[in-house]
Amino acid sequence: MRYRLLGALMAASALAQAEIQTQEIPYTAADGTKLVGYYAYDDAIEGKRPGVVVVHEWWGLNDYAKSRARDLAGLGYSALAIDMYGEGKNTEHPKDAMSFMQAAMADADAAKARFNAGVDLLKQQEQTEAAKLAAIGYCMGGKVVLDMARQGVPLEGVVSFHGALATQTRAAPGSVKARVLVEHGSADSMVSADDVAELNAEMVRAGADYQFVNLPGAKHGFTNPGADRFQEKGVDVAYNKEADERSWKDMQRFLDETFAQ
């Protein structure tokens, strides 16, 4: 009896000490750009688990993007918030964010190479089941993950949250291999009704496994609790708790279904 009790106490102690582990990992894109990834996993889980890439908003690799990696780790995933700008660069100034985004997205091939460098880094982590990978993205990151799906990057699924929907790299029939989920705010002034209609038509033409969720009353940035402070800087964004929670639940269900296939 005494040994059983001791074993139970030791197990409880180990469980109590288990937590989300994080680290910043430097890596390099094919063009030589120095990048910084933020990796998170739950050390209470043994063995390999599916990996999820997180692509940041136009603000860059900031605390919000990192928090989403930790959230995914808490759900049991191996999660990496990647760097699309270089050296972990981020800002809270809209003009700088626009400049960073335009530079990073000007060359579609370079953007794809930076994304793939992050995917490769995630695959290298010992906790990652390399055959089961997905990507989620916010704002600019939403566009990035959609463009990767359009170009046939080998992922199981992608999720766009309040992402830009317009693109210069439309999907061709049969090119979209990943399942696609788009979480969009109905009051998003940064995405036109034409953009929505064109995306829907594009995904149908491509024969994609595609879901589009229109969240009532939600503006751009609806998942980010810090979004409201940017309104005074002239950016039409706002946090929406209901839309945030619903879209996150949609994502959980989507990833569960995707990785179960």
Protein backbone atom coordinates (compact mmCIF):
# COMPACT_ATOMS: atom_id res chain seq x y z
CA MET A 1 0.00 0.00 0.00
CA ARG A 2 2.83 2.36 0.95
CA TYR A 3 4.56 1.77 -2.42
CA ARG A 4 1.35 2.37 -4.37
CA LEU A 5 0.82 5.63 -2.50
CA LEU A 6 4.43 6.68 -3.16
CA GLY A 7 4.01 5.91 -6.86
CA ALA A 8 0.81 7.93 -7.03
CA LEU A 9 2.49 10.89 -5.33
CA MET A 10 5.45 10.73 -7.71
CA ALA A 11 3.14 10.63 -10.72
CA ALA A 12 1.15 13.58 -9.39
CA SER A 13 4.36 15.51 -8.78
CA ALA A 14 5.59 14.86 -12.33
CA LEU A 15 2.24 15.97 -13.72
CA ALA A 16 2.31 19.14 -11.66
CA GLN A 17 5.77 19.99 -12.96
CA ALA A 18 4.80 19.42 -16.62
CA GLU A 19 4.24 22.65 -18.52
CA ILE A 20 4.38 24.36 -21.87
CA GLN A 21 8.00 24.63 -22.94
CA THR A 22 9.08 27.45 -25.26
CA GLN A 23 12.24 28.53 -26.99
CA GLU A 24 13.38 30.93 -29.68
CA ILE A 25 15.22 29.16 -32.51
CA PRO A 26 17.26 30.98 -35.16
CA TYR A 27 17.02 29.68 -38.73
CA THR A 28 17.78 30.90 -42.24
CA ALA A 29 15.68 31.23 -45.40
CA ALA A 30 16.95 30.08 -48.78
CA ASP A 31 17.77 33.69 -49.70
CA GLY A 32 20.02 34.01 -46.64
CA THR A 33 17.58 36.03 -44.51
CA LYS A 34 18.12 35.43 -40.81
CA LEU A 35 14.85 34.42 -39.15
CA VAL A 36 13.73 33.63 -35.59
CA GLY A 37 11.11 31.02 -34.75
CA TYR A 38 9.21 30.70 -31.48
CA TYR A 39 8.63 27.05 -30.63
CA ALA A 40 6.17 25.67 -28.05
CA TYR A 41 5.18 22.19 -26.88
CA ASP A 42 3.67 20.50 -23.83
CA ASP A 43 6.26 18.35 -22.07
CA ALA A 44 3.52 16.34 -20.36
CA ILE A 45 2.89 14.63 -23.69
CA GLU A 46 5.20 11.79 -24.63
CA GLY A 47 6.21 11.06 -28.18
CA LYS A 48 5.53 12.85 -31.42
CA ARG A 49 2.44 14.88 -32.21
CA PRO A 50 1.07 16.84 -35.22
CA GLY A 51 2.80 20.13 -35.95
CA VAL A 52 1.18 23.51 -36.60
CA VAL A 53 2.88 26.56 -38.07
CA VAL A 54 1.61 29.98 -36.90
CA VAL A 55 2.03 32.94 -39.28
CA HIS A 56 1.85 36.37 -37.69
CA GLU A 57 -0.20 39.47 -38.50
CA TRP A 58 1.33 42.36 -40.44
CA TRP A 59 2.72 43.61 -37.11
CA GLY A 60 5.37 40.86 -37.23
CA LEU A 61 6.41 38.13 -34.83
CA ASN A 62 5.05 39.74 -31.66
CA ASP A 63 3.71 38.50 -28.33
CA TYR A 64 0.29 37.78 -29.81
CA ALA A 65 1.65 35.36 -32.43
CA LYS A 66 3.75 33.70 -29.75
CA SER A 67 0.71 33.34 -27.47
CA ARG A 68 -1.11 31.43 -30.21
CA ALA A 69 1.81 29.00 -30.46
CA ARG A 70 1.51 28.40 -26.72
CA ASP A 71 -2.27 27.94 -27.07
CA LEU A 72 -1.72 25.29 -29.73
CA ALA A 73 0.88 23.57 -27.55
CA GLY A 74 -1.74 23.47 -24.81
CA LEU A 75 -4.03 21.62 -27.22
CA GLY A 76 -1.36 18.98 -27.71
CA TYR A 77 0.36 20.21 -30.86
CA SER A 78 3.98 20.93 -31.68
CA ALA A 79 3.69 24.62 -32.59
CA LEU A 80 6.05 27.07 -34.24
CA ALA A 81 5.35 30.77 -34.75
CA ILE A 82 7.48 31.61 -37.78
CA ASP A 83 9.11 34.84 -38.88
CA MET A 84 8.21 36.30 -42.28
CA TYR A 85 10.14 39.57 -41.83
CA GLY A 86 13.56 38.55 -40.53
CA GLU A 87 15.30 38.73 -37.15
CA GLY A 88 11.95 38.52 -35.34
CA LYS A 89 11.12 42.06 -36.43
CA ASN A 90 7.80 43.54 -35.27
CA THR A 91 6.18 46.94 -34.81
CA GLU A 92 3.06 48.71 -33.51
CA HIS A 93 3.18 51.45 -36.15
CA PRO A 94 0.83 50.90 -39.13
CA LYS A 95 3.18 52.58 -41.65
CA ASP A 96 6.05 50.34 -40.60
CA ALA A 97 3.81 47.28 -40.66
CA MET A 98 2.67 48.12 -44.18
CA SER A 99 6.28 48.58 -45.28
CA PHE A 100 7.40 45.29 -43.70
CA MET A 101 4.47 43.40 -45.24
CA GLN A 102 4.95 44.82 -48.72
CA ALA A 103 8.64 43.93 -48.66
CA ALA A 104 7.97 40.39 -47.45
CA MET A 105 5.16 39.71 -49.92
CA ALA A 106 6.55 41.47 -53.00
CA ASP A 107 8.10 38.27 -54.32
CA ALA A 108 5.77 35.26 -54.09
CA ASP A 109 8.64 32.80 -54.45
CA ALA A 110 10.63 34.47 -51.65
CA ALA A 111 7.58 34.46 -49.36
CA LYS A 112 7.05 30.77 -50.08
CA ALA A 113 10.72 30.07 -49.33
CA ARG A 114 10.47 31.82 -45.95
CA PHE A 115 7.34 29.86 -45.11
CA ASN A 116 8.93 26.58 -46.13
CA ALA A 117 12.01 27.36 -44.03
CA GLY A 118 9.69 27.57 -41.02
CA VAL A 119 7.99 24.30 -41.96
CA ASP A 120 11.37 22.60 -42.22
CA LEU A 121 12.34 23.92 -38.78
CA LEU A 122 9.13 22.57 -37.26
CA LYS A 123 9.76 19.17 -38.86
CA GLN A 124 13.19 19.07 -37.23
CA GLN A 125 11.80 19.30 -33.68
CA GLU A 126 11.82 15.93 -31.95
CA GLN A 127 8.22 16.37 -30.77
CA THR A 128 6.87 16.85 -34.32
CA GLU A 129 5.21 14.12 -36.35
CA ALA A 130 6.54 15.38 -39.68
CA ALA A 131 3.87 13.65 -41.76
CA LYS A 132 1.09 15.58 -40.01
CA LEU A 133 1.44 19.32 -40.50
CA ALA A 134 -0.96 22.25 -40.69
CA ALA A 135 -0.67 26.03 -40.69
CA ILE A 136 -2.77 28.85 -39.28
CA GLY A 137 -2.39 32.55 -39.98
CA TYR A 138 -3.73 35.90 -38.88
CA CYS A 139 -4.27 39.00 -41.04
CA MET A 140 -1.26 38.94 -43.40
CA GLY A 141 -0.55 35.45 -42.07
CA GLY A 142 -3.99 34.37 -43.19
CA LYS A 143 -3.06 35.36 -46.73
CA VAL A 144 0.24 33.53 -46.42
CA VAL A 145 -1.34 30.20 -45.43
CA LEU A 146 -4.01 30.52 -48.12
CA ASP A 147 -1.33 31.22 -50.72
CA MET A 148 0.61 28.18 -49.56
CA ALA A 149 -2.50 26.05 -49.99
CA ARG A 150 -3.09 27.57 -53.43
CA GLN A 151 0.45 26.63 -54.45
CA GLY A 152 0.13 23.06 -53.25
CA VAL A 153 2.56 23.21 -50.32
CA PRO A 154 2.27 19.77 -48.64
CA LEU A 155 0.15 20.51 -45.58
CA GLU A 156 -2.81 18.63 -44.17
CA GLY A 157 -4.81 21.78 -43.51
CA VAL A 158 -4.68 25.58 -43.29
CA VAL A 159 -6.79 28.03 -41.28
CA SER A 160 -7.02 31.75 -42.05
CA PHE A 161 -8.26 34.12 -39.34
CA HIS A 162 -9.30 37.59 -40.59
CA GLY A 163 -6.87 37.08 -43.44
CA ALA A 164 -6.45 39.04 -46.65
CA LEU A 165 -8.18 37.03 -49.38
CA ALA A 166 -6.91 38.66 -52.57
CA THR A 167 -3.92 37.04 -54.26
CA GLN A 168 -1.66 37.07 -57.29
CA THR A 169 -1.35 33.27 -57.17
CA ARG A 170 -4.82 31.86 -57.81
CA ALA A 171 -5.32 28.14 -57.30
CA ALA A 172 -5.47 25.95 -60.38
CA PRO A 173 -7.86 23.01 -60.56
CA GLY A 174 -6.44 20.25 -58.38
CA SER A 175 -3.62 22.37 -56.93
CA VAL A 176 -5.04 22.69 -53.40
CA LYS A 177 -3.98 19.59 -51.47
CA ALA A 178 -4.69 20.92 -47.96
CA ARG A 179 -8.11 21.22 -46.38
CA VAL A 180 -8.97 24.91 -46.02
CA LEU A 181 -10.88 26.81 -43.33
CA VAL A 182 -11.43 30.57 -43.58
CA GLU A 183 -12.70 32.46 -40.52
CA HIS A 184 -13.86 35.90 -41.72
CA GLY A 185 -15.52 38.83 -39.97
CA SER A 186 -18.64 40.10 -41.71
CA ALA A 187 -17.72 43.69 -40.75
CA ASP A 188 -14.12 43.47 -41.97
CA SER A 189 -13.59 46.73 -43.89
CA MET A 190 -10.19 45.56 -45.16
CA VAL A 191 -11.65 42.73 -47.22
CA SER A 192 -14.16 43.54 -49.95
CA ALA A 193 -17.27 41.56 -50.83
CA ASP A 194 -15.64 40.95 -54.22
CA ASP A 195 -12.61 39.40 -52.50
CA VAL A 196 -14.91 37.01 -50.64
CA ALA A 197 -16.85 36.08 -53.78
CA GLU A 198 -13.66 35.57 -55.79
CA LEU A 199 -12.16 33.32 -53.11
CA ASN A 200 -15.30 31.20 -52.92
CA ALA A 201 -15.40 30.81 -56.72
CA GLU A 202 -11.66 30.07 -56.83
CA MET A 203 -11.90 27.30 -54.24
CA VAL A 204 -14.86 25.71 -56.05
CA ARG A 205 -12.99 25.79 -59.38
CA ALA A 206 -9.93 24.28 -57.69
CA GLY A 207 -12.01 21.45 -56.22
CA ALA A 208 -10.71 22.27 -52.75
CA ASP A 209 -11.98 20.80 -49.47
CA TYR A 210 -13.01 24.25 -48.30
CA GLN A 211 -15.05 25.87 -45.52
CA PHE A 212 -15.86 29.58 -45.19
CA VAL A 213 -17.24 30.93 -41.91
CA ASN A 214 -18.71 34.45 -41.85
CA LEU A 215 -18.70 35.76 -38.27
CA PRO A 216 -21.49 38.31 -37.68
CA GLY A 217 -20.37 41.81 -36.70
CA ALA A 218 -16.68 40.93 -36.44
CA LYS A 219 -14.10 43.38 -37.75
CA HIS A 220 -10.56 42.77 -38.93
CA GLY A 221 -8.34 41.58 -36.08
CA PHE A 222 -11.25 40.02 -34.18
CA THR A 223 -9.07 37.34 -32.54
CA ASN A 224 -6.50 39.72 -31.04
CA PRO A 225 -7.37 41.06 -27.55
CA GLY A 226 -4.98 43.96 -28.16
CA ALA A 227 -6.55 45.04 -31.44
CA ASP A 228 -8.66 47.89 -30.05
CA ARG A 229 -5.66 50.02 -29.18
CA PHE A 230 -4.83 50.39 -32.87
CA GLN A 231 -8.11 52.17 -33.60
CA GLU A 232 -6.63 55.45 -32.43
CA LYS A 233 -3.88 54.94 -34.99
CA GLY A 234 -6.47 54.89 -37.76
CA VAL A 235 -6.66 51.13 -38.25
CA ASP A 236 -10.21 49.72 -38.46
CA VAL A 237 -9.66 46.66 -36.24
CA ALA A 238 -11.44 45.46 -33.11
CA TYR A 239 -11.38 42.48 -30.79
CA ASN A 240 -14.57 40.43 -30.72
CA LYS A 241 -14.64 37.90 -27.90
CA GLU A 242 -17.51 35.87 -29.31
CA ALA A 243 -15.93 35.64 -32.76
CA ASP A 244 -12.54 34.83 -31.26
CA GLU A 245 -13.89 31.97 -29.17
CA ARG A 246 -16.11 30.59 -31.93
CA SER A 247 -13.34 30.68 -34.55
CA TRP A 248 -10.91 28.97 -32.17
CA LYS A 249 -13.43 26.18 -31.53
CA ASP A 250 -13.96 25.87 -35.29
CA MET A 251 -10.20 25.52 -35.71
CA GLN A 252 -9.96 22.85 -33.01
CA ARG A 253 -12.69 20.81 -34.65
CA PHE A 254 -11.13 21.32 -38.08
CA LEU A 255 -7.67 20.19 -36.95
CA ASP A 256 -9.11 17.20 -35.08
CA GLU A 257 -10.91 16.10 -38.23
CA THR A 258 -7.96 16.84 -40.48
CA PHE A 259 -5.38 14.92 -38.52
CA ALA A 260 -7.77 12.01 -37.97
CA GLN A 261 -7.95 11.35 -41.69
